[in-house]
Amino acid sequence: MTKTSTRKRGKSFLNSGKRSFDGQTIYNAILLDLPRRECENVFAKMELVQTPPRFVLNESAEYIKFVYFVNSGLISILNIMSDGKSVEVGLTGKEGFVGLPVAVGFQTSPTRALTQIAGTAFRVNAKAIENILRECPELEKHLHRYALELALQGAQLAACNRLHEVDERLARWLLMSQDRVGTPNLSLTQESLSMMLGTRRASVTIAAGILQKAGFITYQRGHVKIQSRAGLENAACECYRILNKQLKRWQNNSH
């Protein structure tokens, strides 16, 4: 297992325009939306860590030692079968949190959380977050809401993997990834794409070739660059639009 690079807990800086911790600007949407008092409770227990590619944040069926507020990069949530094969059932980035079972009192993870694109996260001991949640009702509400967002993803991806062609699914996945990392340049291997889409490498090669021939991406070993986001949106299956439409509906109706 790849290890994270950690730093000691640092000082935080909060004002109306910017939040930072240990010299790192905070981009995590959950942390940014917390009231000051709750932020201070979380900051007192968290540390900044690097999340290199292939790093496992939580492992399927194992005890959760740490939870993570993802600050940058891209994390895949994977279902692991008994033969070791896996398929992606969720995707999270700076909007999200890894370790959701802890928020409702469970101690083990049903899935593997694996870094696909390197980044950073704010890590908190699982026992500490249980105590923090007792004093932070807004954080608890945000985590429950995020659990529903991931459940929505999982349900939609189950339908997507069954009903849509690989090139449509690849276009959808690239759009979702760009939304989270904020750049058209994605460092991804064929093996990673195959695992995330639940298909053979040869199928990924064909699908990437279709999108590249259309001028929507350039695809070289270990690297994808989105050349036309509008083109990808047209090429993607309806799942990308369905997910975004429902998330916006929830955001508009939240209180």
Foldseek 3Di string as FASTA:
>chain_A
DDDKDWDPWADWDDDPPFIDTPPHTALQPLLVPFDPVLNVLLSVFKTKIKAAAFDWQAAAPDFHFKKWQARAAKKFWWQADPVGAIETQFIDHSHDMGDLVLLVPDGHDNTIIGTFTIDMIIMGTSVSVNVSCVVGVSSSVSSVVVVVLSVLSNVLLVVCLVPHALLQAVLLVLLVRCVRRVFQKGQGALVRSCRHSVHDSVSVVVSVVVCVVVVQWDDDGRIIGGRNNVVSVVSHDCSSVVSVVVVVVCVVPDD
